[in-house]
Every structure is written in C-alpha cells, then in structure tokens.
Amino acid sequence: MTTAVVDIGTMIARSPEIRGGQPRISGTGVTVQRVVALFKLGLNPDEIASEISHLSYAQVYAALAYYHANRDEIEAAIAEAEAAGDRAEAAWYRSQRAAA
C-alpha cells in the first residue's frame, strides 16, 4: 500500500486575490487567523476540525503551526481586524446620533 506524502510547506498559501493575501489553508478560503480565533476561544484542534468540517486535522495543525512560527504577524493582523471593527462600530454610532 502506497501512501501519498504531503509536503507540509504547501499547506498554507497566500494569494492577493483570496482573503486579501492573508495566510490561509491551501485550497480553502479559511485563514490562519480564523483557526487561531477558534483556538483562542478554547477549542482544541479536534473541535476546530469539527467546527469547520471541510478541514482535516492536518490542515488545522498546519494553521496552528504557522501561527506559532509567525505569531507577531498573525497577532498584528488580529489587532488590525479588531481596530477596523472598532472604527466601523464608532462610525455607526456617530451616524445614529447624527440622524437622531
């Protein structure tokens, strides 16, 4: 029986046209950031694979390995996403006050 060998270096990809070039699991639109968010919520890799059912365990572990190897990059992306959300929320509240 022959088993295909997977080069783990090919499991994470970046493409400017997909998710704005964020690192993601190859062949999917699932970003490393999304996997990390679930991990930070307390889900273990098995639970993450169940939550995003089209991912394999290997893909989840590859995303987490990428995060641990590139923590500063992913943490900066998370912080920017949170800041963008805060800016959008503040703009919405300002628009509601102006309309009242």
PDB file of N, CA and C in Angstrom:
ATOM      1  N   MET A   1       0.844  -1.179   0.000  1.00  0.00           N
ATOM      2  CA  MET A   1       0.000   0.000   0.000  1.00  0.00           C
ATOM      3  C   MET A   1       0.889   1.243   0.000  1.00  0.00           C
ATOM      4  N   THR A   2       0.641   2.138  -0.929  1.00  0.00           N
ATOM      5  CA  THR A   2       1.411   3.363  -1.036  1.00  0.00           C
ATOM      6  C   THR A   2       0.592   4.518  -0.487  1.00  0.00           C
ATOM      7  N   THR A   3       1.208   5.297   0.377  1.00  0.00           N
ATOM      8  CA  THR A   3       0.551   6.468   0.956  1.00  0.00           C
ATOM      9  C   THR A   3       1.203   7.713   0.383  1.00  0.00           C
ATOM     10  N   ALA A   4       0.375   8.658  -0.017  1.00  0.00           N
ATOM     11  CA  ALA A   4       0.904   9.912  -0.547  1.00  0.00           C
ATOM     12  C   ALA A   4       1.563  10.705   0.566  1.00  0.00           C
ATOM     13  N   VAL A   5       2.699  11.259   0.279  1.00  0.00           N
ATOM     14  CA  VAL A   5       3.418  12.099   1.236  1.00  0.00           C
ATOM     15  C   VAL A   5       3.034  13.549   0.967  1.00  0.00           C
ATOM     16  N   VAL A   6       2.674  14.251   2.019  1.00  0.00           N
ATOM     17  CA  VAL A   6       2.272  15.646   1.902  1.00  0.00           C
ATOM     18  C   VAL A   6       3.403  16.525   2.412  1.00  0.00           C
ATOM     19  N   ASP A   7       3.810  17.459   1.594  1.00  0.00           N
ATOM     20  CA  ASP A   7       4.805  18.453   1.994  1.00  0.00           C
ATOM     21  C   ASP A   7       4.068  19.506   2.808  1.00  0.00           C
ATOM     22  N   ILE A   8       4.314  19.558   4.108  1.00  0.00           N
ATOM     23  CA  ILE A   8       3.557  20.480   4.954  1.00  0.00           C
ATOM     24  C   ILE A   8       3.798  21.938   4.586  1.00  0.00           C
ATOM     25  N   GLY A   9       4.896  22.198   3.894  1.00  0.00           N
ATOM     26  CA  GLY A   9       5.165  23.560   3.438  1.00  0.00           C
ATOM     27  C   GLY A   9       4.176  24.048   2.392  1.00  0.00           C
ATOM     28  N   THR A  10       3.394  23.149   1.840  1.00  0.00           N
ATOM     29  CA  THR A  10       2.406  23.536   0.825  1.00  0.00           C
ATOM     30  C   THR A  10       1.007  23.703   1.418  1.00  0.00           C
ATOM     31  N   MET A  11       0.865  23.511   2.712  1.00  0.00           N
ATOM     32  CA  MET A  11      -0.466  23.524   3.323  1.00  0.00           C
ATOM     33  C   MET A  11      -0.986  24.924   3.632  1.00  0.00           C
ATOM     34  N   ILE A  12      -0.117  25.915   3.640  1.00  0.00           N
ATOM     35  CA  ILE A  12      -0.521  27.308   3.867  1.00  0.00           C
ATOM     36  C   ILE A  12      -0.153  28.096   2.619  1.00  0.00           C
ATOM     37  N   ALA A  13      -1.088  28.908   2.147  1.00  0.00           N
ATOM     38  CA  ALA A  13      -0.869  29.673   0.916  1.00  0.00           C
ATOM     39  C   ALA A  13      -1.262  31.127   1.125  1.00  0.00           C
ATOM     40  N   ARG A  14      -0.814  31.950   0.207  1.00  0.00           N
ATOM     41  CA  ARG A  14      -1.202  33.371   0.147  1.00  0.00           C
ATOM     42  C   ARG A  14      -1.466  33.714  -1.306  1.00  0.00           C
ATOM     43  N   SER A  15      -2.545  34.414  -1.541  1.00  0.00           N
ATOM     44  CA  SER A  15      -2.868  34.920  -2.873  1.00  0.00           C
ATOM     45  C   SER A  15      -3.533  36.275  -2.688  1.00  0.00           C
ATOM     46  N   PRO A  16      -3.032  37.306  -3.360  1.00  0.00           N
ATOM     47  CA  PRO A  16      -3.620  38.627  -3.168  1.00  0.00           C
ATOM     48  C   PRO A  16      -5.119  38.658  -3.454  1.00  0.00           C
ATOM     49  N   GLU A  17      -5.585  37.817  -4.371  1.00  0.00           N
ATOM     50  CA  GLU A  17      -6.995  37.841  -4.763  1.00  0.00           C
ATOM     51  C   GLU A  17      -7.896  37.031  -3.821  1.00  0.00           C
ATOM     52  N   ILE A  18      -7.309  36.293  -2.889  1.00  0.00           N
ATOM     53  CA  ILE A  18      -8.103  35.499  -1.945  1.00  0.00           C
ATOM     54  C   ILE A  18      -7.807  35.989  -0.533  1.00  0.00           C
ATOM     55  N   ARG A  19      -8.834  36.477   0.137  1.00  0.00           N
ATOM     56  CA  ARG A  19      -8.718  36.981   1.513  1.00  0.00           C
ATOM     57  C   ARG A  19      -7.647  38.044   1.662  1.00  0.00           C
ATOM     58  N   GLY A  20      -7.455  38.820   0.606  1.00  0.00           N
ATOM     59  CA  GLY A  20      -6.525  39.937   0.665  1.00  0.00           C
ATOM     60  C   GLY A  20      -5.076  39.541   0.916  1.00  0.00           C
ATOM     61  N   GLY A  21      -4.735  38.313   0.566  1.00  0.00           N
ATOM     62  CA  GLY A  21      -3.362  37.868   0.738  1.00  0.00           C
ATOM     63  C   GLY A  21      -3.040  37.344   2.125  1.00  0.00           C
ATOM     64  N   GLN A  22      -4.048  37.244   2.991  1.00  0.00           N
ATOM     65  CA  GLN A  22      -3.802  36.684   4.321  1.00  0.00           C
ATOM     66  C   GLN A  22      -3.388  35.221   4.188  1.00  0.00           C
ATOM     67  N   PRO A  23      -2.540  34.724   5.081  1.00  0.00           N
ATOM     68  CA  PRO A  23      -2.204  33.303   5.033  1.00  0.00           C
ATOM     69  C   PRO A  23      -3.459  32.473   5.299  1.00  0.00           C
ATOM     70  N   ARG A  24      -3.645  31.448   4.469  1.00  0.00           N
ATOM     71  CA  ARG A  24      -4.838  30.619   4.575  1.00  0.00           C
ATOM     72  C   ARG A  24      -4.469  29.179   4.292  1.00  0.00           C
ATOM     73  N   ILE A  25      -5.369  28.306   4.616  1.00  0.00           N
ATOM     74  CA  ILE A  25      -5.154  26.891   4.353  1.00  0.00           C
ATOM     75  C   ILE A  25      -5.327  26.674   2.849  1.00  0.00           C
ATOM     76  N   SER A  26      -4.315  26.095   2.231  1.00  0.00           N
ATOM     77  CA  SER A  26      -4.319  25.891   0.775  1.00  0.00           C
ATOM     78  C   SER A  26      -5.592  25.181   0.325  1.00  0.00           C
ATOM     79  N   GLY A  27      -6.132  25.667  -0.785  1.00  0.00           N
ATOM     80  CA  GLY A  27      -7.322  25.057  -1.361  1.00  0.00           C
ATOM     81  C   GLY A  27      -8.612  25.462  -0.681  1.00  0.00           C
ATOM     82  N   THR A  28      -8.521  26.360   0.289  1.00  0.00           N
ATOM     83  CA  THR A  28      -9.713  26.820   1.007  1.00  0.00           C
ATOM     84  C   THR A  28      -9.649  28.340   1.148  1.00  0.00           C
ATOM     85  N   GLY A  29     -10.697  28.898   1.651  1.00  0.00           N
ATOM     86  CA  GLY A  29     -10.699  30.318   1.987  1.00  0.00           C
ATOM     87  C   GLY A  29     -10.521  30.535   3.477  1.00  0.00           C
ATOM     88  N   VAL A  30     -10.231  29.479   4.213  1.00  0.00           N
ATOM     89  CA  VAL A  30     -10.109  29.558   5.668  1.00  0.00           C
ATOM     90  C   VAL A  30      -8.738  30.123   6.030  1.00  0.00           C
ATOM     91  N   THR A  31      -8.741  31.256   6.705  1.00  0.00           N
ATOM     92  CA  THR A  31      -7.487  31.898   7.067  1.00  0.00           C
ATOM     93  C   THR A  31      -6.910  31.291   8.344  1.00  0.00           C
ATOM     94  N   VAL A  32      -5.614  31.438   8.464  1.00  0.00           N
ATOM     95  CA  VAL A  32      -4.932  31.043   9.699  1.00  0.00           C
ATOM     96  C   VAL A  32      -5.546  31.825  10.852  1.00  0.00           C
ATOM     97  N   GLN A  33      -5.838  33.083  10.619  1.00  0.00           N
ATOM     98  CA  GLN A  33      -6.425  33.946  11.648  1.00  0.00           C
ATOM     99  C   GLN A  33      -7.740  33.361  12.179  1.00  0.00           C
ATOM    100  N   ARG A  34      -8.578  32.803  11.292  1.00  0.00           N
ATOM    101  CA  ARG A  34      -9.850  32.219  11.730  1.00  0.00           C
ATOM    102  C   ARG A  34      -9.610  31.002  12.620  1.00  0.00           C
ATOM    103  N   VAL A  35      -8.677  30.151  12.236  1.00  0.00           N
ATOM    104  CA  VAL A  35      -8.356  28.975  13.043  1.00  0.00           C
ATOM    105  C   VAL A  35      -7.825  29.421  14.406  1.00  0.00           C
ATOM    106  N   VAL A  36      -6.962  30.423  14.413  1.00  0.00           N
ATOM    107  CA  VAL A  36      -6.395  30.930  15.660  1.00  0.00           C
ATOM    108  C   VAL A  36      -7.486  31.526  16.549  1.00  0.00           C
ATOM    109  N   ALA A  37      -8.443  32.217  15.955  1.00  0.00           N
ATOM    110  CA  ALA A  37      -9.530  32.795  16.746  1.00  0.00           C
ATOM    111  C   ALA A  37     -10.290  31.698  17.487  1.00  0.00           C
ATOM    112  N   LEU A  38     -10.570  30.599  16.813  1.00  0.00           N
ATOM    113  CA  LEU A  38     -11.267  29.489  17.462  1.00  0.00           C
ATOM    114  C   LEU A  38     -10.391  28.861  18.544  1.00  0.00           C
ATOM    115  N   PHE A  39      -9.103  28.738  18.268  1.00  0.00           N
ATOM    116  CA  PHE A  39      -8.160  28.196  19.234  1.00  0.00           C
ATOM    117  C   PHE A  39      -8.124  29.072  20.487  1.00  0.00           C
ATOM    118  N   LYS A  40      -8.118  30.388  20.288  1.00  0.00           N
ATOM    119  CA  LYS A  40      -8.084  31.317  21.424  1.00  0.00           C
ATOM    120  C   LYS A  40      -9.390  31.304  22.220  1.00  0.00           C
ATOM    121  N   LEU A  41     -10.476  30.881  21.572  1.00  0.00           N
ATOM    122  CA  LEU A  41     -11.747  30.745  22.288  1.00  0.00           C
ATOM    123  C   LEU A  41     -11.774  29.480  23.146  1.00  0.00           C
ATOM    124  N   GLY A  42     -10.740  28.659  23.007  1.00  0.00           N
ATOM    125  CA  GLY A  42     -10.640  27.466  23.834  1.00  0.00           C
ATOM    126  C   GLY A  42     -10.908  26.161  23.115  1.00  0.00           C
ATOM    127  N   LEU A  43     -11.178  26.207  21.810  1.00  0.00           N
ATOM    128  CA  LEU A  43     -11.391  24.979  21.073  1.00  0.00           C
ATOM    129  C   LEU A  43     -10.053  24.292  20.831  1.00  0.00           C
ATOM    130  N   ASN A  44     -10.046  22.977  20.952  1.00  0.00           N
ATOM    131  CA  ASN A  44      -8.827  22.239  20.638  1.00  0.00           C
ATOM    132  C   ASN A  44      -8.842  21.905  19.140  1.00  0.00           C
ATOM    133  N   PRO A  45      -7.725  21.429  18.599  1.00  0.00           N
ATOM    134  CA  PRO A  45      -7.681  21.162  17.154  1.00  0.00           C
ATOM    135  C   PRO A  45      -8.777  20.226  16.649  1.00  0.00           C
ATOM    136  N   ASP A  46      -9.137  19.208  17.443  1.00  0.00           N
ATOM    137  CA  ASP A  46     -10.213  18.311  17.028  1.00  0.00           C
ATOM    138  C   ASP A  46     -11.539  19.063  16.928  1.00  0.00           C
ATOM    139  N   GLU A  47     -11.804  19.934  17.896  1.00  0.00           N
ATOM    140  CA  GLU A  47     -13.046  20.711  17.887  1.00  0.00           C
ATOM    141  C   GLU A  47     -13.063  21.708  16.722  1.00  0.00           C
ATOM    142  N   ILE A  48     -11.906  22.271  16.407  1.00  0.00           N
ATOM    143  CA  ILE A  48     -11.825  23.198  15.274  1.00  0.00           C
ATOM    144  C   ILE A  48     -12.132  22.462  13.980  1.00  0.00           C
ATOM    145  N   ALA A  49     -11.574  21.263  13.816  1.00  0.00           N
ATOM    146  CA  ALA A  49     -11.847  20.464  12.619  1.00  0.00           C
ATOM    147  C   ALA A  49     -13.323  20.091  12.547  1.00  0.00           C
ATOM    148  N   SER A  50     -13.967  19.873  13.668  1.00  0.00           N
ATOM    149  CA  SER A  50     -15.407  19.587  13.677  1.00  0.00           C
ATOM    150  C   SER A  50     -16.211  20.836  13.338  1.00  0.00           C
ATOM    151  N   GLU A  51     -15.766  21.981  13.858  1.00  0.00           N
ATOM    152  CA  GLU A  51     -16.456  23.257  13.618  1.00  0.00           C
ATOM    153  C   GLU A  51     -16.369  23.661  12.145  1.00  0.00           C
ATOM    154  N   ILE A  52     -15.210  23.489  11.547  1.00  0.00           N
ATOM    155  CA  ILE A  52     -15.008  23.797  10.123  1.00  0.00           C
ATOM    156  C   ILE A  52     -14.810  22.436   9.450  1.00  0.00           C
ATOM    157  N   SER A  53     -15.923  21.765   9.206  1.00  0.00           N
ATOM    158  CA  SER A  53     -15.906  20.339   8.889  1.00  0.00           C
ATOM    159  C   SER A  53     -15.168  19.952   7.609  1.00  0.00           C
ATOM    160  N   HIS A  54     -14.937  20.904   6.706  1.00  0.00           N
ATOM    161  CA  HIS A  54     -14.212  20.535   5.485  1.00  0.00           C
ATOM    162  C   HIS A  54     -12.693  20.567   5.669  1.00  0.00           C
ATOM    163  N   LEU A  55     -12.240  20.901   6.873  1.00  0.00           N
ATOM    164  CA  LEU A  55     -10.800  20.883   7.138  1.00  0.00           C
ATOM    165  C   LEU A  55     -10.389  19.547   7.752  1.00  0.00           C
ATOM    166  N   SER A  56      -9.218  19.092   7.382  1.00  0.00           N
ATOM    167  CA  SER A  56      -8.651  17.894   8.004  1.00  0.00           C
ATOM    168  C   SER A  56      -7.902  18.309   9.258  1.00  0.00           C
ATOM    169  N   TYR A  57      -7.602  17.312  10.082  1.00  0.00           N
ATOM    170  CA  TYR A  57      -6.801  17.591  11.264  1.00  0.00           C
ATOM    171  C   TYR A  57      -5.447  18.156  10.865  1.00  0.00           C
ATOM    172  N   ALA A  58      -4.869  17.617   9.818  1.00  0.00           N
ATOM    173  CA  ALA A  58      -3.561  18.091   9.361  1.00  0.00           C
ATOM    174  C   ALA A  58      -3.624  19.567   8.973  1.00  0.00           C
ATOM    175  N   GLN A  59      -4.708  19.991   8.337  1.00  0.00           N
ATOM    176  CA  GLN A  59      -4.845  21.394   7.943  1.00  0.00           C
ATOM    177  C   GLN A  59      -4.956  22.297   9.164  1.00  0.00           C
ATOM    178  N   VAL A  60      -5.710  21.865  10.160  1.00  0.00           N
ATOM    179  CA  VAL A  60      -5.840  22.657  11.388  1.00  0.00           C
ATOM    180  C   VAL A  60      -4.480  22.771  12.076  1.00  0.00           C
ATOM    181  N   TYR A  61      -3.784  21.660  12.196  1.00  0.00           N
ATOM    182  CA  TYR A  61      -2.470  21.683  12.830  1.00  0.00           C
ATOM    183  C   TYR A  61      -1.479  22.520  12.027  1.00  0.00           C
ATOM    184  N   ALA A  62      -1.577  22.496  10.701  1.00  0.00           N
ATOM    185  CA  ALA A  62      -0.695  23.326   9.867  1.00  0.00           C
ATOM    186  C   ALA A  62      -0.948  24.806  10.140  1.00  0.00           C
ATOM    187  N   ALA A  63      -2.224  25.187  10.260  1.00  0.00           N
ATOM    188  CA  ALA A  63      -2.560  26.582  10.552  1.00  0.00           C
ATOM    189  C   ALA A  63      -2.024  26.991  11.916  1.00  0.00           C
ATOM    190  N   LEU A  64      -2.167  26.121  12.894  1.00  0.00           N
ATOM    191  CA  LEU A  64      -1.656  26.439  14.233  1.00  0.00           C
ATOM    192  C   LEU A  64      -0.133  26.474  14.259  1.00  0.00           C
ATOM    193  N   ALA A  65       0.502  25.601  13.510  1.00  0.00           N
ATOM    194  CA  ALA A  65       1.965  25.630  13.421  1.00  0.00           C
ATOM    195  C   ALA A  65       2.418  26.932  12.775  1.00  0.00           C
ATOM    196  N   TYR A  66       1.717  27.365  11.716  1.00  0.00           N
ATOM    197  CA  TYR A  66       2.057  28.631  11.064  1.00  0.00           C
ATOM    198  C   TYR A  66       1.924  29.775  12.074  1.00  0.00           C
ATOM    199  N   TYR A  67       0.843  29.776  12.839  1.00  0.00           N
ATOM    200  CA  TYR A  67       0.634  30.815  13.847  1.00  0.00           C
ATOM    201  C   TYR A  67       1.785  30.842  14.855  1.00  0.00           C
ATOM    202  N   HIS A  68       2.136  29.689  15.382  1.00  0.00           N
ATOM    203  CA  HIS A  68       3.189  29.645  16.398  1.00  0.00           C
ATOM    204  C   HIS A  68       4.548  30.038  15.829  1.00  0.00           C
ATOM    205  N   ALA A  69       4.761  29.779  14.551  1.00  0.00           N
ATOM    206  CA  ALA A  69       6.029  30.161  13.913  1.00  0.00           C
ATOM    207  C   ALA A  69       6.044  31.625  13.493  1.00  0.00           C
ATOM    208  N   ASN A  70       4.856  32.221  13.357  1.00  0.00           N
ATOM    209  CA  ASN A  70       4.729  33.601  12.856  1.00  0.00           C
ATOM    210  C   ASN A  70       3.764  34.404  13.730  1.00  0.00           C
ATOM    211  N   ARG A  71       3.907  34.229  15.022  1.00  0.00           N
ATOM    212  CA  ARG A  71       2.966  34.828  15.981  1.00  0.00           C
ATOM    213  C   ARG A  71       2.825  36.346  15.818  1.00  0.00           C
ATOM    214  N   ASP A  72       3.929  37.065  15.640  1.00  0.00           N
ATOM    215  CA  ASP A  72       3.855  38.529  15.529  1.00  0.00           C
ATOM    216  C   ASP A  72       3.000  38.943  14.338  1.00  0.00           C
ATOM    217  N   GLU A  73       3.178  38.276  13.201  1.00  0.00           N
ATOM    218  CA  GLU A  73       2.390  38.599  12.001  1.00  0.00           C
ATOM    219  C   GLU A  73       0.896  38.381  12.237  1.00  0.00           C
ATOM    220  N   ILE A  74       0.537  37.247  12.790  1.00  0.00           N
ATOM    221  CA  ILE A  74      -0.882  36.925  12.984  1.00  0.00           C
ATOM    222  C   ILE A  74      -1.487  37.802  14.074  1.00  0.00           C
ATOM    223  N   GLU A  75      -0.758  38.037  15.149  1.00  0.00           N
ATOM    224  CA  GLU A  75      -1.266  38.911  16.216  1.00  0.00           C
ATOM    225  C   GLU A  75      -1.487  40.335  15.694  1.00  0.00           C
ATOM    226  N   ALA A  76      -0.594  40.812  14.823  1.00  0.00           N
ATOM    227  CA  ALA A  76      -0.773  42.142  14.230  1.00  0.00           C
ATOM    228  C   ALA A  76      -2.023  42.167  13.355  1.00  0.00           C
ATOM    229  N   ALA A  77      -2.263  41.106  12.598  1.00  0.00           N
ATOM    230  CA  ALA A  77      -3.463  41.034  11.745  1.00  0.00           C
ATOM    231  C   ALA A  77      -4.729  40.995  12.596  1.00  0.00           C
ATOM    232  N   ILE A  78      -4.680  40.258  13.702  1.00  0.00           N
ATOM    233  CA  ILE A  78      -5.832  40.202  14.611  1.00  0.00           C
ATOM    234  C   ILE A  78      -6.093  41.583  15.207  1.00  0.00           C
ATOM    235  N   ALA A  79      -5.041  42.260  15.645  1.00  0.00           N
ATOM    236  CA  ALA A  79      -5.187  43.597  16.223  1.00  0.00           C
ATOM    237  C   ALA A  79      -5.755  44.577  15.203  1.00  0.00           C
ATOM    238  N   GLU A  80      -5.295  44.491  13.954  1.00  0.00           N
ATOM    239  CA  GLU A  80      -5.810  45.386  12.909  1.00  0.00           C
ATOM    240  C   GLU A  80      -7.276  45.104  12.625  1.00  0.00           C
ATOM    241  N   ALA A  81      -7.655  43.840  12.586  1.00  0.00           N
ATOM    242  CA  ALA A  81      -9.063  43.488  12.348  1.00  0.00           C
ATOM    243  C   ALA A  81      -9.947  44.010  13.481  1.00  0.00           C
ATOM    244  N   GLU A  82      -9.469  43.890  14.713  1.00  0.00           N
ATOM    245  CA  GLU A  82     -10.223  44.407  15.854  1.00  0.00           C
ATOM    246  C   GLU A  82     -10.330  45.928  15.792  1.00  0.00           C
ATOM    247  N   ALA A  83      -9.245  46.604  15.418  1.00  0.00           N
ATOM    248  CA  ALA A  83      -9.264  48.064  15.302  1.00  0.00           C
ATOM    249  C   ALA A  83     -10.220  48.503  14.196  1.00  0.00           C
ATOM    250  N   ALA A  84     -10.221  47.786  13.079  1.00  0.00           N
ATOM    251  CA  ALA A  84     -11.144  48.118  11.985  1.00  0.00           C
ATOM    252  C   ALA A  84     -12.589  47.939  12.437  1.00  0.00           C
ATOM    253  N   GLY A  85     -12.852  46.886  13.200  1.00  0.00           N
ATOM    254  CA  GLY A  85     -14.197  46.680  13.745  1.00  0.00           C
ATOM    255  C   GLY A  85     -14.589  47.793  14.693  1.00  0.00           C
ATOM    256  N   ASP A  86     -13.658  48.220  15.532  1.00  0.00           N
ATOM    257  CA  ASP A  86     -13.926  49.326  16.460  1.00  0.00           C
ATOM    258  C   ASP A  86     -14.220  50.613  15.704  1.00  0.00           C
ATOM    259  N   ARG A  87     -13.450  50.874  14.626  1.00  0.00           N
ATOM    260  CA  ARG A  87     -13.687  52.082  13.823  1.00  0.00           C
ATOM    261  C   ARG A  87     -15.056  52.032  13.155  1.00  0.00           C
ATOM    262  N   ALA A  88     -15.431  50.883  12.633  1.00  0.00           N
ATOM    263  CA  ALA A  88     -16.732  50.742  11.977  1.00  0.00           C
ATOM    264  C   ALA A  88     -17.868  50.924  12.981  1.00  0.00           C
ATOM    265  N   GLU A  89     -17.692  50.361  14.158  1.00  0.00           N
ATOM    266  CA  GLU A  89     -18.706  50.500  15.199  1.00  0.00           C
ATOM    267  C   GLU A  89     -18.848  51.964  15.628  1.00  0.00           C
ATOM    268  N   ALA A  90     -17.728  52.644  15.812  1.00  0.00           N
ATOM    269  CA  ALA A  90     -17.767  54.056  16.204  1.00  0.00           C
ATOM    270  C   ALA A  90     -18.434  54.901  15.121  1.00  0.00           C
ATOM    271  N   ALA A  91     -18.138  54.616  13.865  1.00  0.00           N
ATOM    272  CA  ALA A  91     -18.761  55.364  12.756  1.00  0.00           C
ATOM    273  C   ALA A  91     -20.262  55.127  12.739  1.00  0.00           C
ATOM    274  N   TRP A  92     -20.691  53.898  12.998  1.00  0.00           N
ATOM    275  CA  TRP A  92     -22.129  53.598  13.017  1.00  0.00           C
ATOM    276  C   TRP A  92     -22.813  54.364  14.140  1.00  0.00           C
ATOM    277  N   TYR A  93     -22.231  54.380  15.321  1.00  0.00           N
ATOM    278  CA  TYR A  93     -22.821  55.116  16.438  1.00  0.00           C
ATOM    279  C   TYR A  93     -22.888  56.616  16.142  1.00  0.00           C
ATOM    280  N   ARG A  94     -21.827  57.159  15.526  1.00  0.00           N
ATOM    281  CA  ARG A  94     -21.857  58.581  15.160  1.00  0.00           C
ATOM    282  C   ARG A  94     -22.985  58.857  14.164  1.00  0.00           C
ATOM    283  N   SER A  95     -23.179  57.971  13.200  1.00  0.00           N
ATOM    284  CA  SER A  95     -24.233  58.170  12.209  1.00  0.00           C
ATOM    285  C   SER A  95     -25.615  58.092  12.864  1.00  0.00           C
ATOM    286  N   GLN A  96     -25.769  57.254  13.863  1.00  0.00           N
ATOM    287  CA  GLN A  96     -27.052  57.135  14.564  1.00  0.00           C
ATOM    288  C   GLN A  96     -27.351  58.389  15.374  1.00  0.00           C
ATOM    289  N   ARG A  97     -26.328  58.953  16.009  1.00  0.00           N
ATOM    290  CA  ARG A  97     -26.518  60.184  16.774  1.00  0.00           C
ATOM    291  C   ARG A  97     -26.847  61.345  15.856  1.00  0.00           C
ATOM    292  N   ALA A  98     -26.184  61.399  14.702  1.00  0.00           N
ATOM    293  CA  ALA A  98     -26.420  62.487  13.738  1.00  0.00           C
ATOM    294  C   ALA A  98     -27.822  62.395  13.162  1.00  0.00           C
ATOM    295  N   ALA A  99     -28.338  61.188  13.006  1.00  0.00           N
ATOM    296  CA  ALA A  99     -29.673  61.011  12.421  1.00  0.00           C
ATOM    297  C   ALA A  99     -30.774  61.308  13.444  1.00  0.00           C
ATOM    298  N   ALA A 100     -30.444  61.282  14.727  1.00  0.00           N
ATOM    299  CA  ALA A 100     -31.464  61.478  15.775  1.00  0.00           C
ATOM    300  C   ALA A 100     -31.802  62.922  15.995  1.00  0.00           C
TER     301      ALA A 100
END
